[in-house]
Protein backbone atom coordinates (compact mmCIF):
# COMPACT_ATOMS: atom_id res chain seq x y z
CA UNK A 1 -69.75 4.43 -86.47
CA UNK A 2 -67.68 2.66 -83.75
CA UNK A 3 -64.02 3.64 -83.41
CA UNK A 4 -61.57 1.51 -85.34
CA UNK A 5 -59.50 -0.84 -83.27
CA UNK A 6 -55.79 -0.53 -83.90
CA UNK A 7 -53.88 -3.73 -84.49
CA UNK A 8 -50.78 -3.97 -82.31
CA UNK A 9 -47.54 -3.70 -84.25
CA UNK A 10 -45.41 -6.80 -83.84
CA UNK A 11 -42.56 -8.38 -85.72
CA UNK A 12 -44.13 -11.81 -85.34
CA UNK A 13 -47.11 -13.28 -83.57
CA UNK A 14 -45.93 -16.80 -82.89
CA UNK A 15 -45.14 -17.64 -79.31
CA UNK A 16 -41.73 -19.12 -78.59
CA UNK A 17 -41.78 -22.90 -78.71
CA UNK A 18 -39.19 -23.02 -75.93
CA UNK A 19 -40.26 -22.48 -72.34
CA UNK A 20 -37.62 -20.56 -70.45
CA UNK A 21 -37.13 -20.90 -66.73
CA UNK A 22 -35.68 -18.53 -64.15
CA UNK A 23 -31.92 -18.49 -64.65
CA UNK A 24 -32.02 -19.34 -68.35
CA UNK A 25 -30.16 -17.26 -70.93
CA UNK A 26 -32.64 -15.58 -73.28
CA UNK A 27 -32.33 -14.76 -76.96
CA UNK A 28 -32.30 -10.99 -77.51
CA UNK A 29 -35.31 -11.05 -79.82
CA UNK A 30 -37.65 -12.39 -77.11
CA UNK A 31 -36.93 -9.46 -74.78
CA UNK A 32 -38.51 -6.01 -74.80
CA UNK A 33 -35.41 -3.97 -74.07
CA UNK A 34 -37.41 -0.97 -72.90
CA UNK A 35 -39.53 -2.85 -70.37
CA UNK A 36 -36.64 -5.23 -69.58
CA UNK A 37 -39.07 -8.11 -69.84
CA UNK A 38 -39.17 -11.57 -71.41
CA UNK A 39 -42.10 -11.50 -73.86
CA UNK A 40 -42.22 -15.17 -75.05
CA UNK A 41 -42.50 -14.13 -78.71
CA UNK A 42 -40.28 -12.31 -81.19
CA UNK A 43 -40.19 -8.56 -80.71
CA UNK A 44 -39.86 -5.68 -83.17
CA UNK A 45 -36.23 -5.29 -84.30
CA UNK A 46 -34.90 -1.75 -83.91
CA UNK A 47 -31.61 -1.10 -85.72
CA UNK A 48 -29.59 1.70 -84.11
CA UNK A 49 -25.95 2.49 -84.95
CA UNK A 50 -25.32 -0.94 -86.49
CA UNK A 51 -26.83 -2.89 -83.56
CA UNK A 52 -30.28 -4.44 -83.26
CA UNK A 53 -32.37 -3.79 -80.16
CA UNK A 54 -35.90 -5.12 -79.60
CA UNK A 55 -39.12 -3.50 -78.43
CA UNK A 56 -42.68 -4.70 -77.96
CA UNK A 57 -44.58 -1.75 -79.47
CA UNK A 58 -44.17 1.43 -81.50
CA UNK A 59 -43.59 3.47 -78.32
CA UNK A 60 -40.68 1.18 -77.43
CA UNK A 61 -39.33 1.49 -80.97
CA UNK A 62 -39.30 5.27 -80.59
CA UNK A 63 -37.69 5.07 -77.17
CA UNK A 64 -34.91 2.78 -78.40
CA UNK A 65 -34.26 5.03 -81.39
CA UNK A 66 -34.17 8.24 -79.36
CA UNK A 67 -32.88 7.42 -75.86
CA UNK A 68 -29.43 5.96 -75.36
CA UNK A 69 -30.32 5.16 -71.75
CA UNK A 70 -32.94 2.66 -72.99
CA UNK A 71 -30.21 0.82 -74.90
CA UNK A 72 -27.94 0.46 -71.88
CA UNK A 73 -28.25 -1.48 -68.63
CA UNK A 74 -26.29 -2.00 -65.43
CA UNK A 75 -24.75 -5.40 -64.77
CA UNK A 76 -26.31 -6.45 -61.43
CA UNK A 77 -23.11 -8.24 -60.38
CA UNK A 78 -20.49 -5.58 -61.14
CA UNK A 79 -22.43 -2.34 -61.52
CA UNK A 80 -20.79 -1.82 -64.92
CA UNK A 81 -22.77 -0.42 -67.84
CA UNK A 82 -23.56 -2.89 -70.60
CA UNK A 83 -25.07 -2.41 -74.04
CA UNK A 84 -28.23 -4.52 -74.13
CA UNK A 85 -27.34 -6.00 -77.54
CA UNK A 86 -24.03 -7.29 -76.16
CA UNK A 87 -25.34 -8.50 -72.80
CA UNK A 88 -25.77 -12.01 -71.47
CA UNK A 89 -29.53 -11.71 -70.85
CA UNK A 90 -31.06 -13.91 -68.15
CA UNK A 91 -34.62 -14.47 -66.96
CA UNK A 92 -34.48 -13.32 -63.32
CA UNK A 93 -37.96 -14.17 -62.04
CA UNK A 94 -41.29 -15.77 -62.89
CA UNK A 95 -42.76 -12.34 -63.69
CA UNK A 96 -40.55 -12.07 -66.78
CA UNK A 97 -38.01 -9.59 -65.40
CA UNK A 98 -34.63 -9.88 -67.12
CA UNK A 99 -31.09 -9.00 -66.12
CA UNK A 100 -28.31 -7.84 -68.42
CA UNK A 101 -24.83 -9.09 -67.56
CA UNK A 102 -21.47 -8.30 -69.18
CA UNK A 103 -20.72 -12.03 -69.29
CA UNK A 104 -21.89 -15.48 -68.29
CA UNK A 105 -19.18 -15.43 -65.61
CA UNK A 106 -20.78 -12.34 -64.04
CA UNK A 107 -24.20 -14.01 -64.09
CA UNK A 108 -22.82 -17.19 -62.48
CA UNK A 109 -21.23 -15.15 -59.66
CA UNK A 110 -24.50 -13.23 -59.22
CA UNK A 111 -26.55 -16.44 -59.09
CA UNK A 112 -24.28 -17.92 -56.41
CA UNK A 113 -24.93 -14.89 -54.18
CA UNK A 114 -28.68 -14.99 -54.61
């Protein structure tokens, strides 16, 4: 008997109808907050301490539940720590890499330098 294939666990399977470009602000639910990547479809919501983080798979769900460091980022402009649920999340490159900023003002200053 062949091994059973496991279905990936996802919150939704529909791709986003909006195409985001480098520099665009992203909705939290389209970002895997463990891989820090734009995923183009809704991710699995992970409630932790009254906030909702998002991950792309069960491993990411576990990581977000168990590792505070996965729920935090460093603002590239200021070097300050920022909670990923409270961040201004921006698509940084065509490979889907995202940046977490404490504010839109910080992102604008960062973009002017780049």
